N, C-alpha and C. Protein backbone atom coordinates (compact mmCIF):
# COMPACT_ATOMS: atom_id res chain seq x y z
N MET A 1 40.12 17.34 34.99
CA MET A 1 39.05 18.12 34.55
C MET A 1 37.72 17.52 35.04
N GLU A 2 37.07 18.12 35.61
CA GLU A 2 35.67 17.55 36.24
C GLU A 2 34.63 17.97 35.18
N ILE A 3 33.68 16.95 35.24
CA ILE A 3 32.57 17.15 34.35
C ILE A 3 31.35 17.72 35.13
N ASN A 4 31.06 18.84 34.75
CA ASN A 4 29.90 19.63 35.38
C ASN A 4 28.66 18.92 35.16
N PRO A 5 27.76 18.71 36.14
CA PRO A 5 26.42 17.94 35.89
C PRO A 5 25.62 18.77 34.71
N VAL A 6 25.68 19.99 34.51
CA VAL A 6 24.92 20.59 33.51
C VAL A 6 25.66 20.19 32.10
N ILE A 7 26.85 20.15 32.05
CA ILE A 7 27.53 19.71 30.76
C ILE A 7 27.08 18.21 30.51
N PHE A 8 27.19 17.40 31.65
CA PHE A 8 26.78 15.95 31.49
C PHE A 8 25.37 15.79 31.03
N TRP A 9 24.45 16.60 31.43
CA TRP A 9 22.99 16.49 31.09
C TRP A 9 23.01 16.97 29.74
N ASN A 10 23.65 17.95 29.27
CA ASN A 10 23.64 18.42 27.78
C ASN A 10 24.09 17.37 26.91
N ILE A 11 25.15 16.60 27.36
CA ILE A 11 25.73 15.51 26.53
C ILE A 11 24.59 14.39 26.45
N VAL A 12 24.03 14.09 27.53
CA VAL A 12 22.87 13.15 27.52
C VAL A 12 21.89 13.52 26.56
N LEU A 13 21.33 14.62 26.53
CA LEU A 13 20.24 15.24 25.70
C LEU A 13 20.76 15.05 24.34
N THR A 14 21.95 15.58 24.07
CA THR A 14 22.35 15.64 22.73
C THR A 14 22.62 14.23 22.01
N LEU A 15 23.15 13.22 22.69
CA LEU A 15 23.61 11.95 22.09
C LEU A 15 22.47 11.02 22.34
N ILE A 16 21.46 11.06 23.25
CA ILE A 16 20.48 10.08 23.45
C ILE A 16 19.07 10.59 23.04
N ILE A 17 18.71 11.66 23.66
CA ILE A 17 17.25 12.17 23.42
C ILE A 17 17.11 12.60 22.10
N ALA A 18 17.93 13.36 21.44
CA ALA A 18 17.82 14.03 20.21
C ALA A 18 17.68 12.92 19.19
N PRO A 19 18.62 11.94 19.03
CA PRO A 19 18.14 10.79 18.13
C PRO A 19 16.93 10.04 18.24
N ALA A 20 16.53 9.93 19.65
CA ALA A 20 15.24 9.18 19.90
C ALA A 20 14.16 10.03 19.27
N PHE A 21 14.15 11.48 19.50
CA PHE A 21 13.05 12.24 18.89
C PHE A 21 13.08 12.20 17.35
N TRP A 22 14.34 12.22 16.78
CA TRP A 22 14.50 12.06 15.40
C TRP A 22 13.82 10.75 14.64
N THR A 23 14.14 9.78 15.55
CA THR A 23 13.64 8.37 15.16
C THR A 23 12.04 8.31 15.31
N PHE A 24 11.58 9.01 16.38
CA PHE A 24 10.08 8.95 16.60
C PHE A 24 9.52 9.72 15.45
N ARG A 25 10.01 10.92 15.09
CA ARG A 25 9.56 11.73 14.02
C ARG A 25 9.42 10.98 12.67
N THR A 26 10.44 10.32 12.35
CA THR A 26 10.65 9.41 11.12
C THR A 26 9.53 8.39 11.14
N LEU A 27 9.57 7.65 12.30
CA LEU A 27 8.42 6.70 12.37
C LEU A 27 7.04 7.29 12.15
N MET A 28 6.86 8.32 12.78
CA MET A 28 5.42 8.97 12.64
C MET A 28 5.10 9.29 11.12
N SER A 29 6.18 9.78 10.50
CA SER A 29 5.91 10.20 9.23
C SER A 29 5.73 8.88 8.31
N GLU A 30 6.35 7.71 8.60
CA GLU A 30 6.07 6.52 7.92
C GLU A 30 4.54 6.03 8.18
N VAL A 31 4.31 6.06 9.40
CA VAL A 31 2.91 5.61 9.75
C VAL A 31 1.81 6.56 9.04
N LYS A 32 2.07 7.87 8.88
CA LYS A 32 1.16 8.73 8.19
C LYS A 32 1.23 8.30 6.70
N ARG A 33 2.25 8.12 6.15
CA ARG A 33 2.26 7.54 4.58
C ARG A 33 1.56 6.27 4.52
N ILE A 34 1.75 5.36 5.41
CA ILE A 34 1.07 4.10 5.26
C ILE A 34 -0.48 4.21 5.38
N ASP A 35 -0.81 5.15 6.39
CA ASP A 35 -2.20 5.33 6.56
C ASP A 35 -2.87 6.01 5.13
N ILE A 36 -2.10 6.83 4.65
CA ILE A 36 -2.68 7.35 3.41
C ILE A 36 -2.73 6.41 2.27
N LEU A 37 -1.77 5.40 2.15
CA LEU A 37 -1.83 4.27 1.31
C LEU A 37 -2.97 3.44 1.46
N LEU A 38 -3.26 3.22 2.72
CA LEU A 38 -4.37 2.17 3.22
C LEU A 38 -5.70 2.93 2.83
N ASN A 39 -5.88 4.27 2.94
CA ASN A 39 -7.04 4.92 2.55
C ASN A 39 -7.22 4.95 1.11
N ARG A 40 -6.22 4.99 0.22
CA ARG A 40 -6.20 4.87 -1.10
C ARG A 40 -6.69 3.53 -1.49
N THR A 41 -6.03 2.53 -0.85
CA THR A 41 -6.50 1.15 -1.18
C THR A 41 -7.95 0.86 -0.78
N ARG A 42 -8.40 1.41 0.13
CA ARG A 42 -9.84 1.27 0.44
C ARG A 42 -10.81 1.91 -0.72
N GLU A 43 -10.33 3.09 -1.20
CA GLU A 43 -11.11 3.71 -2.17
C GLU A 43 -11.02 2.97 -3.57
N ASP A 44 -9.92 2.35 -3.78
CA ASP A 44 -9.69 1.75 -5.23
C ASP A 44 -10.27 0.15 -5.10
N TYR A 45 -10.67 -0.27 -3.98
CA TYR A 45 -11.05 -1.73 -3.84
C TYR A 45 -12.16 -1.93 -4.63
N ALA A 46 -12.24 -3.11 -5.28
CA ALA A 46 -13.37 -3.54 -6.04
C ALA A 46 -14.30 -4.33 -5.30
N THR A 47 -15.57 -4.02 -5.40
CA THR A 47 -16.69 -4.85 -4.54
C THR A 47 -16.87 -6.17 -5.36
N ARG A 48 -17.69 -7.08 -4.56
CA ARG A 48 -17.98 -8.38 -5.19
C ARG A 48 -18.73 -8.32 -6.49
N LYS A 49 -19.65 -7.36 -6.29
CA LYS A 49 -20.70 -7.12 -7.49
C LYS A 49 -19.88 -6.50 -8.68
N GLU A 50 -19.05 -5.67 -8.58
CA GLU A 50 -18.12 -5.14 -9.62
C GLU A 50 -17.23 -6.22 -10.22
N MET A 51 -16.78 -7.09 -9.37
CA MET A 51 -15.87 -8.22 -9.91
C MET A 51 -16.97 -9.19 -10.67
N ARG A 52 -18.01 -9.47 -10.06
CA ARG A 52 -18.88 -10.41 -10.73
C ARG A 52 -19.32 -9.92 -12.07
N ASP A 53 -19.64 -8.62 -12.22
CA ASP A 53 -19.91 -7.99 -13.46
C ASP A 53 -18.88 -7.95 -14.57
N ASP A 54 -17.71 -7.73 -14.04
CA ASP A 54 -16.48 -7.72 -14.89
C ASP A 54 -16.26 -9.14 -15.33
N MET A 55 -16.48 -10.16 -14.56
CA MET A 55 -16.05 -11.55 -14.98
C MET A 55 -17.15 -12.01 -15.87
N LYS A 56 -18.44 -11.68 -15.82
CA LYS A 56 -19.47 -11.90 -16.64
C LYS A 56 -19.14 -11.35 -18.12
N VAL A 57 -18.68 -10.10 -18.10
CA VAL A 57 -18.28 -9.60 -19.52
C VAL A 57 -17.21 -10.36 -20.17
N VAL A 58 -16.17 -10.81 -19.26
CA VAL A 58 -15.14 -11.47 -19.82
C VAL A 58 -15.62 -12.91 -20.29
N VAL A 59 -16.39 -13.61 -19.51
CA VAL A 59 -16.87 -14.96 -19.89
C VAL A 59 -17.81 -14.79 -21.11
N ASP A 60 -18.65 -13.79 -21.22
CA ASP A 60 -19.46 -13.61 -22.40
C ASP A 60 -18.63 -13.39 -23.69
N ALA A 61 -17.50 -12.75 -23.60
CA ALA A 61 -16.57 -12.44 -24.71
C ALA A 61 -15.91 -13.85 -25.08
N LEU A 62 -15.57 -14.68 -24.12
CA LEU A 62 -14.98 -15.79 -24.44
C LEU A 62 -15.93 -16.80 -25.04
N HIS A 63 -17.30 -16.75 -24.72
CA HIS A 63 -18.24 -17.50 -25.38
C HIS A 63 -18.37 -17.21 -26.84
N ARG A 64 -18.48 -15.87 -27.08
CA ARG A 64 -18.55 -15.37 -28.41
C ARG A 64 -17.34 -16.03 -29.28
N VAL A 65 -16.04 -15.98 -28.76
CA VAL A 65 -14.86 -16.54 -29.29
C VAL A 65 -15.03 -17.98 -29.64
N GLU A 66 -15.65 -18.67 -28.69
CA GLU A 66 -15.65 -20.09 -28.92
C GLU A 66 -16.72 -20.42 -29.84
N ASP A 67 -17.89 -19.55 -30.02
CA ASP A 67 -18.92 -19.79 -30.90
C ASP A 67 -18.25 -19.64 -32.35
N LYS A 68 -17.41 -18.59 -32.46
CA LYS A 68 -16.82 -18.24 -33.82
C LYS A 68 -15.92 -19.33 -34.28
N LEU A 69 -15.18 -19.86 -33.16
CA LEU A 69 -14.32 -20.97 -33.59
C LEU A 69 -15.02 -22.21 -34.05
N ASP A 70 -16.14 -22.47 -33.37
CA ASP A 70 -16.96 -23.58 -33.80
C ASP A 70 -17.41 -23.53 -35.19
N ARG A 71 -17.93 -22.38 -35.51
CA ARG A 71 -18.42 -22.08 -36.83
C ARG A 71 -17.36 -22.28 -37.97
N VAL A 72 -16.21 -21.75 -37.63
CA VAL A 72 -15.03 -21.93 -38.70
C VAL A 72 -14.74 -23.38 -38.70
N LEU A 73 -14.59 -24.07 -37.63
CA LEU A 73 -14.24 -25.52 -37.58
C LEU A 73 -15.23 -26.40 -38.36
N GLN A 74 -16.50 -25.86 -38.32
CA GLN A 74 -17.53 -26.79 -39.00
C GLN A 74 -17.53 -26.47 -40.40
N LYS A 75 -17.02 -25.34 -40.81
CA LYS A 75 -17.05 -25.15 -42.41
C LYS A 75 -16.14 -25.97 -43.09
N GLU A 76 -15.05 -26.39 -42.29
CA GLU A 76 -13.97 -27.19 -42.86
C GLU A 76 -14.27 -28.53 -43.19
């Protein structure tokens, strides 16, 4: 039985090229997903000023707690 060049070419296309296209499509969808996640990360990123303001609020709250503890310990 001889293998016709057309049949051979169809086998090559089916076994090599088709999985390559499937892999390429899968990789491109993953790149698109990562791009979307990167854009969301950029939108949700906190600036230095926002971080500084939030840290100031936390430090002020800790100072108030410290002052209350000092008053309680001084009464004893």
